Amino acid sequence: MKNQLLLWVILLLILTACAPAATTTPTAALETPLPTDSPAATPTGEPTAPPAETQQTAVPTTEPTAPQAAETRVFKIVPGESKVTYEVGETFLNQNNRFSVAVGVTTEVRGEVYANLANPPQSSISVIEVDISQFESDSSRRDGMIRNQFLESSRYPIARFEPLRIEGLPEAYNEATPYAFRVIGNLTVKDVTREVAFDITAQLQGDTLTGQATTTILMSDFGVGPISILGVLNTEDEVKLTFDFVARP
């Protein structure tokens, strides 16, 4: 009986050892997917975010600011409509010391005015150039002597006025109102430069700037005179210069 029972126990152990082991999958392994090298699928219609290491921060762009309206208007002196005039007294010794005033005119003048209408004291003037070789008076003989001998304008045709400062400009501008002010600068005639002051009256009406500038100089300051022709005439040393100008944008 005991031998038979022992036989059954041995048989049961053999059957258990030969049976295939049951495979069990841990619950955690089913719930957490294994990591892969491929990116996770993205739902249709949604953009895929780039990897953190390659994602760049967008730099906000600023729209360019529209330029402010220019406060300064440029007016160019119009040759032909503008003119420079000299006036000098002369005494004719051969005509019983008759006195007269010689007048010469040139319309060859160039320059620009920078008018700041919002803040007139900020206005300025460019270098003014005058072709003094084109001076004409009522005597071609006088003109020739001035051009070739006394003023030597055939050799030094351009007189230059370089403004240094402007005094007396108004604080505010009104259309068509005449304003008086003074411009101080360096006047160069031939190869000599002297500081002179022009008294100016100017007004702006529409797009046309008009005015007059006057000064008095001594010819001797520029090595020109006074002019003396023995037995014929003597001139005064003082010369009045007048600049009538028309300027447009």
Protein backbone atom coordinates (compact mmCIF):
# COMPACT_ATOMS: atom_id res chain seq x y z
CA MET A 1 0.00 0.00 0.00
CA LYS A 2 2.85 2.35 0.97
CA ASN A 3 4.73 1.46 -2.17
CA GLN A 4 1.71 2.29 -4.28
CA LEU A 5 1.24 5.68 -2.58
CA LEU A 6 4.90 6.52 -3.05
CA LEU A 7 4.59 5.63 -6.72
CA TRP A 8 1.72 8.14 -7.17
CA VAL A 9 3.70 10.93 -5.47
CA ILE A 10 6.72 10.34 -7.74
CA LEU A 11 4.45 10.32 -10.81
CA LEU A 12 2.81 13.62 -9.76
CA LEU A 13 6.19 15.29 -9.29
CA ILE A 14 7.33 14.15 -12.75
CA LEU A 15 4.18 15.56 -14.41
CA THR A 16 4.57 18.90 -12.60
CA ALA A 17 8.18 19.29 -13.68
CA CYS A 18 7.39 18.57 -17.30
CA ALA A 19 4.47 21.03 -17.54
CA PRO A 20 5.32 24.43 -19.37
CA ALA A 21 5.79 27.38 -17.07
CA ALA A 22 3.02 29.97 -17.24
CA THR A 23 4.17 33.38 -18.70
CA THR A 24 2.90 36.32 -16.79
CA THR A 25 3.30 39.95 -17.91
CA PRO A 26 3.72 42.52 -15.15
CA THR A 27 0.93 45.06 -15.02
CA ALA A 28 3.38 47.99 -15.12
CA ALA A 29 4.89 46.71 -18.36
CA LEU A 30 1.49 46.76 -20.01
CA GLU A 31 0.68 50.29 -18.88
CA THR A 32 4.02 52.01 -19.73
CA PRO A 33 5.27 51.71 -23.34
CA LEU A 34 8.91 51.01 -23.90
CA PRO A 35 10.92 54.08 -25.01
CA THR A 36 11.71 54.25 -28.69
CA ASP A 37 13.93 56.46 -30.89
CA SER A 38 10.97 57.51 -33.05
CA PRO A 39 8.95 60.58 -31.99
CA ALA A 40 5.48 59.98 -30.69
CA ALA A 41 2.71 60.22 -33.20
CA THR A 42 1.08 63.63 -33.43
CA PRO A 43 -2.68 63.96 -33.83
CA THR A 44 -3.70 65.02 -37.30
CA GLY A 45 -3.98 68.81 -37.77
CA GLU A 46 -1.71 69.78 -34.84
CA PRO A 47 1.86 71.04 -35.57
CA THR A 48 4.76 69.07 -34.24
CA ALA A 49 6.90 71.03 -31.78
CA PRO A 50 10.61 70.95 -32.62
CA PRO A 51 13.00 69.32 -30.17
CA ALA A 52 13.84 71.50 -27.20
CA GLU A 53 17.48 71.83 -28.15
CA THR A 54 16.68 73.19 -31.66
CA GLN A 55 13.68 75.35 -30.82
CA GLN A 56 14.51 79.06 -31.25
CA THR A 57 12.95 82.00 -29.49
CA ALA A 58 11.12 84.26 -31.92
CA VAL A 59 12.55 87.78 -32.00
CA PRO A 60 9.80 90.40 -32.19
CA THR A 61 10.13 92.67 -35.20
CA THR A 62 9.50 96.39 -34.96
CA GLU A 63 7.87 98.19 -37.84
CA PRO A 64 10.00 101.15 -39.02
CA THR A 65 8.79 104.46 -37.71
CA ALA A 66 7.49 106.80 -40.38
CA PRO A 67 9.87 109.75 -40.86
CA GLN A 68 8.74 112.96 -39.26
CA ALA A 69 7.71 115.77 -41.52
CA ALA A 70 10.71 117.93 -42.34
CA GLU A 71 10.64 121.23 -40.45
CA THR A 72 13.24 122.89 -42.68
CA ARG A 73 12.45 124.04 -46.20
CA VAL A 74 15.23 124.63 -48.71
CA PHE A 75 14.95 127.69 -50.92
CA LYS A 76 17.38 128.05 -53.81
CA ILE A 77 18.36 131.53 -54.96
CA VAL A 78 17.28 132.04 -58.56
CA PRO A 79 19.97 133.58 -60.81
CA GLY A 80 18.55 136.07 -63.25
CA GLU A 81 15.74 137.01 -60.87
CA SER A 82 18.24 137.91 -58.16
CA LYS A 83 20.97 140.52 -58.42
CA VAL A 84 23.93 142.06 -56.60
CA THR A 85 24.55 145.79 -57.03
CA TYR A 86 27.51 147.97 -56.08
CA GLU A 87 27.30 151.74 -55.63
CA VAL A 88 30.37 153.94 -55.26
CA GLY A 89 30.76 157.70 -55.47
CA GLU A 90 33.16 159.09 -58.03
CA THR A 91 34.38 162.58 -58.82
CA PHE A 92 35.32 163.49 -62.42
CA LEU A 93 38.28 165.82 -62.19
CA ASN A 94 38.20 166.58 -65.91
CA GLN A 95 34.55 167.65 -65.71
CA ASN A 96 34.79 170.41 -63.11
CA ASN A 97 34.78 167.86 -60.28
CA ARG A 98 31.39 166.53 -61.23
CA PHE A 99 30.16 163.99 -58.68
CA SER A 100 28.11 160.93 -59.54
CA VAL A 101 27.39 157.48 -58.22
CA ALA A 102 28.62 154.57 -60.28
CA VAL A 103 26.28 151.58 -60.25
CA GLY A 104 27.18 148.08 -61.41
CA VAL A 105 24.93 145.01 -61.47
CA THR A 106 25.36 141.25 -61.84
CA THR A 107 22.61 138.64 -61.81
CA GLU A 108 24.98 135.68 -61.51
CA VAL A 109 24.44 134.76 -57.87
CA ARG A 110 23.91 131.36 -56.23
CA GLY A 111 23.15 130.00 -52.80
CA GLU A 112 20.47 128.42 -50.61
CA VAL A 113 18.38 129.40 -47.62
CA TYR A 114 17.34 126.75 -45.08
CA ALA A 115 14.19 128.13 -43.47
CA ASN A 116 12.91 126.40 -40.34
CA LEU A 117 9.32 127.61 -40.24
CA ALA A 118 8.53 125.82 -36.98
CA ASN A 119 11.56 127.33 -35.23
CA PRO A 120 12.90 130.32 -37.22
CA PRO A 121 16.03 130.84 -35.07
CA GLN A 122 17.21 127.43 -36.33
CA SER A 123 17.26 128.69 -39.94
CA SER A 124 20.55 129.01 -41.79
CA ILE A 125 22.10 130.18 -45.05
CA SER A 126 24.61 128.45 -47.30
CA VAL A 127 27.67 130.07 -48.83
CA ILE A 128 26.60 132.74 -51.31
CA GLU A 129 28.64 133.01 -54.51
CA VAL A 130 28.56 135.99 -56.86
CA ASP A 131 30.20 136.19 -60.27
CA ILE A 132 31.61 139.71 -60.02
CA SER A 133 33.26 139.42 -63.44
CA GLN A 134 29.77 139.99 -64.83
CA PHE A 135 29.32 143.43 -63.23
CA GLU A 136 27.94 145.87 -65.78
CA SER A 137 27.48 149.61 -65.40
CA ASP A 138 26.58 152.43 -67.76
CA SER A 139 30.20 152.55 -68.95
CA SER A 140 31.91 149.66 -70.69
CA ARG A 141 35.22 151.48 -70.15
CA ARG A 142 34.67 151.47 -66.40
CA ASP A 143 33.65 147.82 -66.50
CA GLY A 144 36.80 146.87 -68.40
CA MET A 145 39.11 148.71 -65.98
CA ILE A 146 37.42 147.16 -62.96
CA ARG A 147 37.54 143.69 -64.52
CA ASN A 148 41.14 143.81 -65.70
CA GLN A 149 42.87 146.24 -63.39
CA PHE A 150 41.28 147.28 -60.11
CA LEU A 151 38.99 144.44 -59.00
CA GLU A 152 40.79 141.93 -61.24
CA SER A 153 37.56 140.00 -61.56
CA SER A 154 38.73 138.43 -64.80
CA ARG A 155 41.27 136.61 -62.62
CA TYR A 156 39.16 136.29 -59.47
CA PRO A 157 35.61 136.02 -60.85
CA ILE A 158 33.85 134.64 -57.77
CA ALA A 159 33.22 136.58 -54.56
CA ARG A 160 32.10 134.37 -51.67
CA PHE A 161 30.13 135.19 -48.56
CA GLU A 162 30.25 132.51 -45.86
CA PRO A 163 27.66 133.14 -43.10
CA LEU A 164 28.92 132.64 -39.54
CA ARG A 165 25.83 133.53 -37.52
CA ILE A 166 22.37 135.05 -37.84
CA GLU A 167 21.02 137.58 -35.35
CA GLY A 168 17.47 138.82 -34.77
CA LEU A 169 15.38 136.05 -36.35
CA PRO A 170 11.80 135.98 -35.00
CA GLU A 171 10.60 133.30 -32.60
CA ALA A 172 7.55 132.56 -34.79
CA TYR A 173 6.77 132.82 -38.48
CA ASN A 174 3.73 134.43 -40.10
CA GLU A 175 2.91 134.15 -43.77
CA ALA A 176 3.89 137.18 -45.91
CA THR A 177 5.20 139.14 -42.92
CA PRO A 178 8.53 140.95 -43.56
CA TYR A 179 11.22 140.17 -41.00
CA ALA A 180 14.41 142.13 -40.36
CA PHE A 181 17.56 140.42 -39.14
CA ARG A 182 21.34 140.48 -39.54
CA VAL A 183 23.79 137.97 -41.00
CA ILE A 184 27.47 138.15 -40.06
CA GLY A 185 29.99 136.28 -42.14
CA ASN A 186 33.25 136.24 -44.06
CA LEU A 187 33.34 138.01 -47.41
CA THR A 188 36.13 136.99 -49.78
CA VAL A 189 37.00 139.24 -52.72
CA LYS A 190 40.05 138.43 -54.82
CA ASP A 191 42.24 136.64 -52.27
CA VAL A 192 41.29 138.77 -49.25
CA THR A 193 38.73 137.78 -46.60
CA ARG A 194 37.07 140.18 -44.16
CA GLU A 195 34.17 139.84 -41.74
CA VAL A 196 31.13 141.88 -42.76
CA ALA A 197 27.51 142.16 -41.63
CA PHE A 198 24.48 142.27 -43.91
CA ASP A 199 21.21 143.83 -42.77
CA ILE A 200 18.41 141.79 -44.30
CA THR A 201 14.69 142.14 -44.75
CA ALA A 202 12.90 139.04 -46.06
CA GLN A 203 9.45 137.56 -46.38
CA LEU A 204 7.99 134.27 -47.51
CA GLN A 205 4.77 134.25 -49.50
CA GLY A 206 3.61 130.91 -50.81
CA ASP A 207 6.63 129.18 -52.32
CA THR A 208 8.62 132.35 -52.98
CA LEU A 209 11.15 133.85 -50.59
CA THR A 210 12.13 137.42 -51.41
CA GLY A 211 14.26 139.98 -49.66
CA GLN A 212 17.08 142.46 -49.70
CA ALA A 213 20.47 142.41 -47.97
CA THR A 214 22.68 145.51 -47.69
CA THR A 215 26.12 146.30 -46.31
CA THR A 216 28.86 148.89 -46.68
CA ILE A 217 32.51 147.95 -47.14
CA LEU A 218 35.77 149.77 -47.78
CA MET A 219 37.54 148.99 -51.03
CA SER A 220 40.88 149.47 -49.28
CA ASP A 221 40.05 146.55 -46.93
CA PHE A 222 40.16 144.25 -49.95
CA GLY A 223 43.15 145.87 -51.67
CA VAL A 224 41.04 147.30 -54.47
CA GLY A 225 41.01 151.07 -54.01
CA PRO A 226 39.99 153.79 -53.65
CA ILE A 227 40.47 154.14 -57.36
CA SER A 228 42.32 157.12 -58.71
CA ILE A 229 42.99 157.91 -62.36
CA LEU A 230 45.29 160.88 -62.57
CA GLY A 231 43.55 163.94 -63.96
CA VAL A 232 40.37 162.00 -64.71
CA LEU A 233 38.58 160.80 -61.56
CA ASN A 234 38.78 159.73 -57.95
CA THR A 235 36.43 157.31 -56.26
CA GLU A 236 35.36 157.12 -52.66
CA ASP A 237 36.65 154.27 -50.55
CA GLU A 238 33.21 153.31 -49.31
CA VAL A 239 31.08 150.97 -51.42
CA LYS A 240 27.47 150.03 -50.80
CA LEU A 241 26.52 146.46 -51.71
CA THR A 242 22.89 145.44 -52.19
CA PHE A 243 21.69 141.90 -52.71
CA ASP A 244 18.10 141.59 -53.97
CA PHE A 245 17.14 137.94 -53.94
CA VAL A 246 14.36 135.64 -55.08
CA ALA A 247 14.46 132.04 -53.89
CA ARG A 248 12.16 129.07 -54.45
CA PRO A 249 12.05 125.41 -53.31
